[in-house]
mmCIF file of all heavy atoms, coordinates in Angstrom:
data_MODEL
# 
_entry.id   MODEL 
# 
loop_
_atom_site.group_PDB 
_atom_site.id 
_atom_site.type_symbol 
_atom_site.label_atom_id 
_atom_site.label_alt_id 
_atom_site.label_comp_id 
_atom_site.label_asym_id 
_atom_site.label_entity_id 
_atom_site.label_seq_id 
_atom_site.pdbx_PDB_ins_code 
_atom_site.Cartn_x 
_atom_site.Cartn_y 
_atom_site.Cartn_z 
_atom_site.occupancy 
_atom_site.B_iso_or_equiv 
_atom_site.pdbx_formal_charge 
_atom_site.auth_seq_id 
_atom_site.auth_comp_id 
_atom_site.auth_asym_id 
_atom_site.auth_atom_id 
_atom_site.pdbx_PDB_model_num 
ATOM 1   N N   . VAL A 1 1  ? 0.856  -1.161 -0.022  1.00 0.00 ? 1  VAL A N   1 
ATOM 2   C CA  . VAL A 1 1  ? -0.009 0.057  0.011   1.00 0.00 ? 1  VAL A CA  1 
ATOM 3   C C   . VAL A 1 1  ? 0.893  1.230  0.024   1.00 0.00 ? 1  VAL A C   1 
ATOM 4   O O   . VAL A 1 1  ? 1.816  1.311  0.722   1.00 0.00 ? 1  VAL A O   1 
ATOM 5   C CB  . VAL A 1 1  ? -0.921 0.026  1.225   1.00 0.00 ? 1  VAL A CB  1 
ATOM 6   C CG1 . VAL A 1 1  ? -1.810 1.318  1.209   1.00 0.00 ? 1  VAL A CG1 1 
ATOM 7   C CG2 . VAL A 1 1  ? -1.787 -1.161 1.282   1.00 0.00 ? 1  VAL A CG2 1 
ATOM 8   N N   . SER A 1 2  ? 0.555  2.204  -0.837  1.00 0.00 ? 2  SER A N   1 
ATOM 9   C CA  . SER A 1 2  ? 1.384  3.432  -0.898  1.00 0.00 ? 2  SER A CA  1 
ATOM 10  C C   . SER A 1 2  ? 0.459  4.588  -1.167  1.00 0.00 ? 2  SER A C   1 
ATOM 11  O O   . SER A 1 2  ? -0.563 4.459  -1.807  1.00 0.00 ? 2  SER A O   1 
ATOM 12  C CB  . SER A 1 2  ? 2.433  3.353  -2.051  1.00 0.00 ? 2  SER A CB  1 
ATOM 13  O OG  . SER A 1 2  ? 3.243  4.438  -2.077  1.00 0.00 ? 2  SER A OG  1 
ATOM 14  N N   . THR A 1 3  ? 0.815  5.781  -0.631  1.00 0.00 ? 3  THR A N   1 
ATOM 15  C CA  . THR A 1 3  ? 0.051  7.001  -0.950  1.00 0.00 ? 3  THR A CA  1 
ATOM 16  C C   . THR A 1 3  ? 1.049  8.124  -1.234  1.00 0.00 ? 3  THR A C   1 
ATOM 17  O O   . THR A 1 3  ? 2.188  8.118  -0.679  1.00 0.00 ? 3  THR A O   1 
ATOM 18  C CB  . THR A 1 3  ? -0.879 7.335  0.295   1.00 0.00 ? 3  THR A CB  1 
ATOM 19  O OG1 . THR A 1 3  ? -1.725 8.374  -0.045  1.00 0.00 ? 3  THR A OG1 1 
ATOM 20  C CG2 . THR A 1 3  ? -0.032 7.866  1.519   1.00 0.00 ? 3  THR A CG2 1 
ATOM 21  N N   . ASP A 1 4  ? 0.632  9.031  -2.022  1.00 0.00 ? 4  ASP A N   1 
ATOM 22  C CA  . ASP A 1 4  ? 1.488  10.165 -2.479  1.00 0.00 ? 4  ASP A CA  1 
ATOM 23  C C   . ASP A 1 4  ? 0.668  11.387 -2.840  1.00 0.00 ? 4  ASP A C   1 
ATOM 24  O O   . ASP A 1 4  ? -0.426 11.257 -3.353  1.00 0.00 ? 4  ASP A O   1 
ATOM 25  C CB  . ASP A 1 4  ? 2.331  9.712  -3.699  1.00 0.00 ? 4  ASP A CB  1 
ATOM 26  C CG  . ASP A 1 4  ? 3.634  10.449 -3.820  1.00 0.00 ? 4  ASP A CG  1 
ATOM 27  O OD1 . ASP A 1 4  ? 3.773  11.460 -3.118  1.00 0.00 ? 4  ASP A OD1 1 
ATOM 28  O OD2 . ASP A 1 4  ? 4.479  10.001 -4.608  1.00 0.00 ? 4  ASP A OD2 1 
ATOM 29  N N   . GLY A 1 5  ? 1.131  12.493 -2.485  1.00 0.00 ? 5  GLY A N   1 
ATOM 30  C CA  . GLY A 1 5  ? 0.475  13.797 -2.895  1.00 0.00 ? 5  GLY A CA  1 
ATOM 31  C C   . GLY A 1 5  ? 1.209  14.504 -3.963  1.00 0.00 ? 5  GLY A C   1 
ATOM 32  O O   . GLY A 1 5  ? 2.469  14.448 -3.943  1.00 0.00 ? 5  GLY A O   1 
ATOM 33  N N   . PHE A 1 6  ? 0.489  15.174 -4.798  1.00 0.00 ? 6  PHE A N   1 
ATOM 34  C CA  . PHE A 1 6  ? 1.058  15.806 -6.010  1.00 0.00 ? 6  PHE A CA  1 
ATOM 35  C C   . PHE A 1 6  ? 0.648  17.256 -6.026  1.00 0.00 ? 6  PHE A C   1 
ATOM 36  O O   . PHE A 1 6  ? -0.550 17.561 -6.114  1.00 0.00 ? 6  PHE A O   1 
ATOM 37  C CB  . PHE A 1 6  ? 0.685  15.035 -7.274  1.00 0.00 ? 6  PHE A CB  1 
ATOM 38  C CG  . PHE A 1 6  ? 1.077  13.596 -7.198  1.00 0.00 ? 6  PHE A CG  1 
ATOM 39  C CD1 . PHE A 1 6  ? 0.299  12.614 -6.650  1.00 0.00 ? 6  PHE A CD1 1 
ATOM 40  C CD2 . PHE A 1 6  ? 2.389  13.208 -7.699  1.00 0.00 ? 6  PHE A CD2 1 
ATOM 41  C CE1 . PHE A 1 6  ? 0.741  11.332 -6.549  1.00 0.00 ? 6  PHE A CE1 1 
ATOM 42  C CE2 . PHE A 1 6  ? 2.757  11.926 -7.633  1.00 0.00 ? 6  PHE A CE2 1 
ATOM 43  C CZ  . PHE A 1 6  ? 1.948  11.009 -7.042  1.00 0.00 ? 6  PHE A CZ  1 
ATOM 44  N N   . ILE A 1 7  ? 1.588  18.186 -5.988  1.00 0.00 ? 7  ILE A N   1 
ATOM 45  C CA  . ILE A 1 7  ? 1.328  19.610 -6.005  1.00 0.00 ? 7  ILE A CA  1 
ATOM 46  C C   . ILE A 1 7  ? 2.219  20.316 -6.985  1.00 0.00 ? 7  ILE A C   1 
ATOM 47  O O   . ILE A 1 7  ? 2.612  21.444 -6.822  1.00 0.00 ? 7  ILE A O   1 
ATOM 48  C CB  . ILE A 1 7  ? 1.479  20.210 -4.569  1.00 0.00 ? 7  ILE A CB  1 
ATOM 49  C CG1 . ILE A 1 7  ? 2.909  20.032 -4.075  1.00 0.00 ? 7  ILE A CG1 1 
ATOM 50  C CG2 . ILE A 1 7  ? 0.498  19.601 -3.616  1.00 0.00 ? 7  ILE A CG2 1 
ATOM 51  C CD1 . ILE A 1 7  ? 3.193  20.750 -2.744  1.00 0.00 ? 7  ILE A CD1 1 
ATOM 52  N N   . VAL A 1 8  ? 2.565  19.599 -8.057  1.00 0.00 ? 8  VAL A N   1 
ATOM 53  C CA  . VAL A 1 8  ? 3.563  20.036 -9.019  1.00 0.00 ? 8  VAL A CA  1 
ATOM 54  C C   . VAL A 1 8  ? 3.121  21.381 -9.646  1.00 0.00 ? 8  VAL A C   1 
ATOM 55  O O   . VAL A 1 8  ? 1.981  21.593 -9.940  1.00 0.00 ? 8  VAL A O   1 
ATOM 56  C CB  . VAL A 1 8  ? 3.829  19.014 -10.064 1.00 0.00 ? 8  VAL A CB  1 
ATOM 57  C CG1 . VAL A 1 8  ? 2.614  18.746 -10.902 1.00 0.00 ? 8  VAL A CG1 1 
ATOM 58  C CG2 . VAL A 1 8  ? 4.992  19.407 -10.987 1.00 0.00 ? 8  VAL A CG2 1 
ATOM 59  N N   . SER A 1 9  ? 4.109  22.253 -9.816  1.00 0.00 ? 9  SER A N   1 
ATOM 60  C CA  . SER A 1 9  ? 3.819  23.572 -10.464 1.00 0.00 ? 9  SER A CA  1 
ATOM 61  C C   . SER A 1 9  ? 4.999  23.781 -11.449 1.00 0.00 ? 9  SER A C   1 
ATOM 62  O O   . SER A 1 9  ? 6.180  23.760 -11.113 1.00 0.00 ? 9  SER A O   1 
ATOM 63  C CB  . SER A 1 9  ? 3.888  24.688 -9.430  1.00 0.00 ? 9  SER A CB  1 
ATOM 64  O OG  . SER A 1 9  ? 3.663  25.915 -10.065 1.00 0.00 ? 9  SER A OG  1 
ATOM 65  N N   . PRO A 1 10 ? 4.636  23.987 -12.786 1.00 0.00 ? 10 PRO A N   1 
ATOM 66  C CA  . PRO A 1 10 ? 3.221  24.135 -13.319 1.00 0.00 ? 10 PRO A CA  1 
ATOM 67  C C   . PRO A 1 10 ? 2.546  22.700 -13.377 1.00 0.00 ? 10 PRO A C   1 
ATOM 68  O O   . PRO A 1 10 ? 3.291  21.723 -13.494 1.00 0.00 ? 10 PRO A O   1 
ATOM 69  C CB  . PRO A 1 10 ? 3.446  24.660 -14.656 1.00 0.00 ? 10 PRO A CB  1 
ATOM 70  C CG  . PRO A 1 10 ? 4.874  24.248 -15.097 1.00 0.00 ? 10 PRO A CG  1 
ATOM 71  C CD  . PRO A 1 10 ? 5.668  24.171 -13.799 1.00 0.00 ? 10 PRO A CD  1 
ATOM 72  N N   . ALA A 1 11 ? 1.206  22.730 -13.463 1.00 0.00 ? 11 ALA A N   1 
ATOM 73  C CA  . ALA A 1 11 ? 0.525  21.497 -13.484 1.00 0.00 ? 11 ALA A CA  1 
ATOM 74  C C   . ALA A 1 11 ? 0.569  20.822 -14.822 1.00 0.00 ? 11 ALA A C   1 
ATOM 75  O O   . ALA A 1 11 ? 0.289  19.654 -14.970 1.00 0.00 ? 11 ALA A O   1 
ATOM 76  C CB  . ALA A 1 11 ? -0.931 21.759 -13.109 1.00 0.00 ? 11 ALA A CB  1 
ATOM 77  N N   . PHE A 1 12 ? 0.910  21.612 -15.883 1.00 0.00 ? 12 PHE A N   1 
ATOM 78  C CA  . PHE A 1 12 ? 1.087  21.070 -17.215 1.00 0.00 ? 12 PHE A CA  1 
ATOM 79  C C   . PHE A 1 12 ? 2.498  21.370 -17.742 1.00 0.00 ? 12 PHE A C   1 
ATOM 80  O O   . PHE A 1 12 ? 2.973  22.526 -17.551 1.00 0.00 ? 12 PHE A O   1 
ATOM 81  C CB  . PHE A 1 12 ? 0.045  21.699 -18.166 1.00 0.00 ? 12 PHE A CB  1 
ATOM 82  C CG  . PHE A 1 12 ? -1.349 21.362 -17.830 1.00 0.00 ? 12 PHE A CG  1 
ATOM 83  C CD1 . PHE A 1 12 ? -2.023 22.104 -16.883 1.00 0.00 ? 12 PHE A CD1 1 
ATOM 84  C CD2 . PHE A 1 12 ? -2.041 20.391 -18.489 1.00 0.00 ? 12 PHE A CD2 1 
ATOM 85  C CE1 . PHE A 1 12 ? -3.285 21.757 -16.495 1.00 0.00 ? 12 PHE A CE1 1 
ATOM 86  C CE2 . PHE A 1 12 ? -3.350 20.075 -18.193 1.00 0.00 ? 12 PHE A CE2 1 
ATOM 87  C CZ  . PHE A 1 12 ? -3.982 20.757 -17.171 1.00 0.00 ? 12 PHE A CZ  1 
ATOM 88  N N   . TYR A 1 13 ? 3.179  20.431 -18.290 1.00 0.00 ? 13 TYR A N   1 
ATOM 89  C CA  . TYR A 1 13 ? 4.574  20.576 -18.683 1.00 0.00 ? 13 TYR A CA  1 
ATOM 90  C C   . TYR A 1 13 ? 4.833  19.628 -19.802 1.00 0.00 ? 13 TYR A C   1 
ATOM 91  O O   . TYR A 1 13 ? 4.064  18.709 -20.103 1.00 0.00 ? 13 TYR A O   1 
ATOM 92  C CB  . TYR A 1 13 ? 5.524  20.272 -17.526 1.00 0.00 ? 13 TYR A CB  1 
ATOM 93  C CG  . TYR A 1 13 ? 5.189  18.985 -16.819 1.00 0.00 ? 13 TYR A CG  1 
ATOM 94  C CD1 . TYR A 1 13 ? 5.687  17.771 -17.369 1.00 0.00 ? 13 TYR A CD1 1 
ATOM 95  C CD2 . TYR A 1 13 ? 4.395  18.935 -15.762 1.00 0.00 ? 13 TYR A CD2 1 
ATOM 96  C CE1 . TYR A 1 13 ? 5.420  16.588 -16.720 1.00 0.00 ? 13 TYR A CE1 1 
ATOM 97  C CE2 . TYR A 1 13 ? 4.115  17.780 -15.069 1.00 0.00 ? 13 TYR A CE2 1 
ATOM 98  C CZ  . TYR A 1 13 ? 4.546  16.539 -15.623 1.00 0.00 ? 13 TYR A CZ  1 
ATOM 99  O OH  . TYR A 1 13 ? 4.237  15.343 -15.010 1.00 0.00 ? 13 TYR A OH  1 
ATOM 100 N N   . PRO A 1 14 ? 5.880  19.877 -20.595 1.00 0.00 ? 14 PRO A N   1 
ATOM 101 C CA  . PRO A 1 14 ? 6.217  18.968 -21.780 1.00 0.00 ? 14 PRO A CA  1 
ATOM 102 C C   . PRO A 1 14 ? 6.337  17.528 -21.268 1.00 0.00 ? 14 PRO A C   1 
ATOM 103 O O   . PRO A 1 14 ? 7.197  17.230 -20.477 1.00 0.00 ? 14 PRO A O   1 
ATOM 104 C CB  . PRO A 1 14 ? 7.489  19.519 -22.328 1.00 0.00 ? 14 PRO A CB  1 
ATOM 105 C CG  . PRO A 1 14 ? 7.467  20.986 -21.926 1.00 0.00 ? 14 PRO A CG  1 
ATOM 106 C CD  . PRO A 1 14 ? 6.806  21.003 -20.568 1.00 0.00 ? 14 PRO A CD  1 
ATOM 107 N N   . GLY A 1 15 ? 5.534  16.637 -21.877 1.00 0.00 ? 15 GLY A N   1 
ATOM 108 C CA  . GLY A 1 15 ? 5.633  15.232 -21.552 1.00 0.00 ? 15 GLY A CA  1 
ATOM 109 C C   . GLY A 1 15 ? 4.578  14.733 -20.526 1.00 0.00 ? 15 GLY A C   1 
ATOM 110 O O   . GLY A 1 15 ? 4.595  13.557 -20.182 1.00 0.00 ? 15 GLY A O   1 
ATOM 111 N N   . GLY A 1 16 ? 3.784  15.690 -20.009 1.00 0.00 ? 16 GLY A N   1 
ATOM 112 C CA  . GLY A 1 16 ? 2.793  15.242 -19.017 1.00 0.00 ? 16 GLY A CA  1 
ATOM 113 C C   . GLY A 1 16 ? 2.112  16.304 -18.302 1.00 0.00 ? 16 GLY A C   1 
ATOM 114 O O   . GLY A 1 16 ? 2.159  17.500 -18.693 1.00 0.00 ? 16 GLY A O   1 
ATOM 115 N N   . ASN A 1 17 ? 1.332  15.913 -17.270 1.00 0.00 ? 17 ASN A N   1 
ATOM 116 C CA  . ASN A 1 17 ? 0.632  16.891 -16.473 1.00 0.00 ? 17 ASN A CA  1 
ATOM 117 C C   . ASN A 1 17 ? 0.418  16.253 -15.068 1.00 0.00 ? 17 ASN A C   1 
ATOM 118 O O   . ASN A 1 17 ? 0.788  15.090 -14.870 1.00 0.00 ? 17 ASN A O   1 
ATOM 119 C CB  . ASN A 1 17 ? -0.694 17.406 -17.045 1.00 0.00 ? 17 ASN A CB  1 
ATOM 120 C CG  . ASN A 1 17 ? -1.674 16.309 -17.290 1.00 0.00 ? 17 ASN A CG  1 
ATOM 121 O OD1 . ASN A 1 17 ? -1.924 15.426 -16.405 1.00 0.00 ? 17 ASN A OD1 1 
ATOM 122 N ND2 . ASN A 1 17 ? -2.349 16.318 -18.412 1.00 0.00 ? 17 ASN A ND2 1 
ATOM 123 N N   . ILE A 1 18 ? -0.089 16.999 -14.124 1.00 0.00 ? 18 ILE A N   1 
ATOM 124 C CA  . ILE A 1 18 ? -0.242 16.512 -12.753 1.00 0.00 ? 18 ILE A CA  1 
ATOM 125 C C   . ILE A 1 18 ? -1.133 15.200 -12.682 1.00 0.00 ? 18 ILE A C   1 
ATOM 126 O O   . ILE A 1 18 ? -0.899 14.389 -11.843 1.00 0.00 ? 18 ILE A O   1 
ATOM 127 C CB  . ILE A 1 18 ? -0.802 17.607 -11.832 1.00 0.00 ? 18 ILE A CB  1 
ATOM 128 C CG1 . ILE A 1 18 ? -0.732 17.177 -10.364 1.00 0.00 ? 18 ILE A CG1 1 
ATOM 129 C CG2 . ILE A 1 18 ? -2.249 17.959 -12.236 1.00 0.00 ? 18 ILE A CG2 1 
ATOM 130 C CD1 . ILE A 1 18 ? -1.074 18.284 -9.373  1.00 0.00 ? 18 ILE A CD1 1 
ATOM 131 N N   . GLY A 1 19 ? -2.044 15.096 -13.640 1.00 0.00 ? 19 GLY A N   1 
ATOM 132 C CA  . GLY A 1 19 ? -2.888 13.878 -13.650 1.00 0.00 ? 19 GLY A CA  1 
ATOM 133 C C   . GLY A 1 19 ? -2.112 12.619 -14.033 1.00 0.00 ? 19 GLY A C   1 
ATOM 134 O O   . GLY A 1 19 ? -2.127 11.570 -13.318 1.00 0.00 ? 19 GLY A O   1 
ATOM 135 N N   . LYS A 1 20 ? -1.322 12.701 -15.072 1.00 0.00 ? 20 LYS A N   1 
ATOM 136 C CA  . LYS A 1 20 ? -0.448 11.528 -15.386 1.00 0.00 ? 20 LYS A CA  1 
ATOM 137 C C   . LYS A 1 20 ? 0.543  11.270 -14.330 1.00 0.00 ? 20 LYS A C   1 
ATOM 138 O O   . LYS A 1 20 ? 0.735  10.098 -13.941 1.00 0.00 ? 20 LYS A O   1 
ATOM 139 C CB  . LYS A 1 20 ? 0.324  11.910 -16.699 1.00 0.00 ? 20 LYS A CB  1 
ATOM 140 C CG  . LYS A 1 20 ? 1.267  10.820 -17.196 1.00 0.00 ? 20 LYS A CG  1 
ATOM 141 C CD  . LYS A 1 20 ? 1.928  11.197 -18.479 1.00 0.00 ? 20 LYS A CD  1 
ATOM 142 C CE  . LYS A 1 20 ? 2.890  10.132 -18.992 1.00 0.00 ? 20 LYS A CE  1 
ATOM 143 N NZ  . LYS A 1 20 ? 3.629  10.525 -20.198 1.00 0.00 ? 20 LYS A NZ  1 
ATOM 144 N N   . LEU A 1 21 ? 1.093  12.334 -13.745 1.00 0.00 ? 21 LEU A N   1 
ATOM 145 C CA  . LEU A 1 21 ? 2.053  12.189 -12.663 1.00 0.00 ? 21 LEU A CA  1 
ATOM 146 C C   . LEU A 1 21 ? 1.495  11.455 -11.458 1.00 0.00 ? 21 LEU A C   1 
ATOM 147 O O   . LEU A 1 21 ? 2.117  10.629 -10.813 1.00 0.00 ? 21 LEU A O   1 
ATOM 148 C CB  . LEU A 1 21 ? 2.618  13.505 -12.325 1.00 0.00 ? 21 LEU A CB  1 
ATOM 149 C CG  . LEU A 1 21 ? 3.743  13.582 -11.248 1.00 0.00 ? 21 LEU A CG  1 
ATOM 150 C CD1 . LEU A 1 21 ? 5.023  12.822 -11.689 1.00 0.00 ? 21 LEU A CD1 1 
ATOM 151 C CD2 . LEU A 1 21 ? 4.076  14.976 -10.880 1.00 0.00 ? 21 LEU A CD2 1 
ATOM 152 N N   . SER A 1 22 ? 0.280  11.793 -11.129 1.00 0.00 ? 22 SER A N   1 
ATOM 153 C CA  . SER A 1 22 ? -0.414 11.222 -9.924  1.00 0.00 ? 22 SER A CA  1 
ATOM 154 C C   . SER A 1 22 ? -0.613 9.728  -10.069 1.00 0.00 ? 22 SER A C   1 
ATOM 155 O O   . SER A 1 22 ? -0.628 9.010  -9.037  1.00 0.00 ? 22 SER A O   1 
ATOM 156 C CB  . SER A 1 22 ? -1.724 11.978 -9.651  1.00 0.00 ? 22 SER A CB  1 
ATOM 157 O OG  . SER A 1 22 ? -2.729 11.623 -10.632 1.00 0.00 ? 22 SER A OG  1 
ATOM 158 N N   . ILE A 1 23 ? -0.854 9.267  -11.258 1.00 0.00 ? 23 ILE A N   1 
ATOM 159 C CA  . ILE A 1 23 ? -0.965 7.817  -11.494 1.00 0.00 ? 23 ILE A CA  1 
ATOM 160 C C   . ILE A 1 23 ? 0.418  7.157  -11.505 1.00 0.00 ? 23 ILE A C   1 
ATOM 161 O O   . ILE A 1 23 ? 0.689  6.158  -10.787 1.00 0.00 ? 23 ILE A O   1 
ATOM 162 C CB  . ILE A 1 23 ? -1.681 7.500  -12.815 1.00 0.00 ? 23 ILE A CB  1 
ATOM 163 C CG1 . ILE A 1 23 ? -3.083 8.116  -12.837 1.00 0.00 ? 23 ILE A CG1 1 
ATOM 164 C CG2 . ILE A 1 23 ? -1.794 5.963  -13.008 1.00 0.00 ? 23 ILE A CG2 1 
ATOM 165 C CD1 . ILE A 1 23 ? -4.007 7.663  -11.800 1.00 0.00 ? 23 ILE A CD1 1 
ATOM 166 N N   . CYS A 1 24 ? 1.306  7.707  -12.272 1.00 0.00 ? 24 CYS A N   1 
ATOM 167 C CA  . CYS A 1 24 ? 2.713  7.145  -12.385 1.00 0.00 ? 24 CYS A CA  1 
ATOM 168 C C   . CYS A 1 24 ? 3.361  7.060  -11.012 1.00 0.00 ? 24 CYS A C   1 
ATOM 169 O O   . CYS A 1 24 ? 4.034  6.048  -10.668 1.00 0.00 ? 24 CYS A O   1 
ATOM 170 C CB  . CYS A 1 24 ? 3.581  7.983  -13.288 1.00 0.00 ? 24 CYS A CB  1 
ATOM 171 S SG  . CYS A 1 24 ? 3.067  7.916  -15.056 1.00 0.00 ? 24 CYS A SG  1 
ATOM 172 N N   . GLY A 1 25 ? 3.263  8.140  -10.214 1.00 0.00 ? 25 GLY A N   1 
ATOM 173 C CA  . GLY A 1 25 ? 3.964  8.165  -8.941  1.00 0.00 ? 25 GLY A CA  1 
ATOM 174 C C   . GLY A 1 25 ? 3.562  7.046  -8.007  1.00 0.00 ? 25 GLY A C   1 
ATOM 175 O O   . GLY A 1 25 ? 4.461  6.341  -7.468  1.00 0.00 ? 25 GLY A O   1 
ATOM 176 N N   . THR A 1 26 ? 2.342  6.769  -7.852  1.00 0.00 ? 26 THR A N   1 
ATOM 177 C CA  . THR A 1 26 ? 1.884  5.734  -6.989  1.00 0.00 ? 26 THR A CA  1 
ATOM 178 C C   . THR A 1 26 ? 2.025  4.344  -7.561  1.00 0.00 ? 26 THR A C   1 
ATOM 179 O O   . THR A 1 26 ? 2.453  3.366  -6.852  1.00 0.00 ? 26 THR A O   1 
ATOM 180 C CB  . THR A 1 26 ? 0.435  5.956  -6.495  1.00 0.00 ? 26 THR A CB  1 
ATOM 181 O OG1 . THR A 1 26 ? 0.357  7.187  -5.776  1.00 0.00 ? 26 THR A OG1 1 
ATOM 182 C CG2 . THR A 1 26 ? -0.068 4.854  -5.629  1.00 0.00 ? 26 THR A CG2 1 
ATOM 183 N N   . VAL A 1 27 ? 1.741  4.196  -8.853  1.00 0.00 ? 27 VAL A N   1 
ATOM 184 C CA  . VAL A 1 27 ? 1.989  2.967  -9.553  1.00 0.00 ? 27 VAL A CA  1 
ATOM 185 C C   . VAL A 1 27 ? 3.476  2.548  -9.401  1.00 0.00 ? 27 VAL A C   1 
ATOM 186 O O   . VAL A 1 27 ? 3.796  1.309  -9.128  1.00 0.00 ? 27 VAL A O   1 
ATOM 187 C CB  . VAL A 1 27 ? 1.555  3.047  -11.020 1.00 0.00 ? 27 VAL A CB  1 
ATOM 188 C CG1 . VAL A 1 27 ? 2.152  1.947  -11.815 1.00 0.00 ? 27 VAL A CG1 1 
ATOM 189 C CG2 . VAL A 1 27 ? 0.003  2.975  -11.113 1.00 0.00 ? 27 VAL A CG2 1 
# 
């Protein structure tokens, strides 16, 4: 079990966004 918070700024950047990151980080 793992949990992670994502507050990346900017939320959109070349190659991804905070949504993609939030899945990748915990996966």
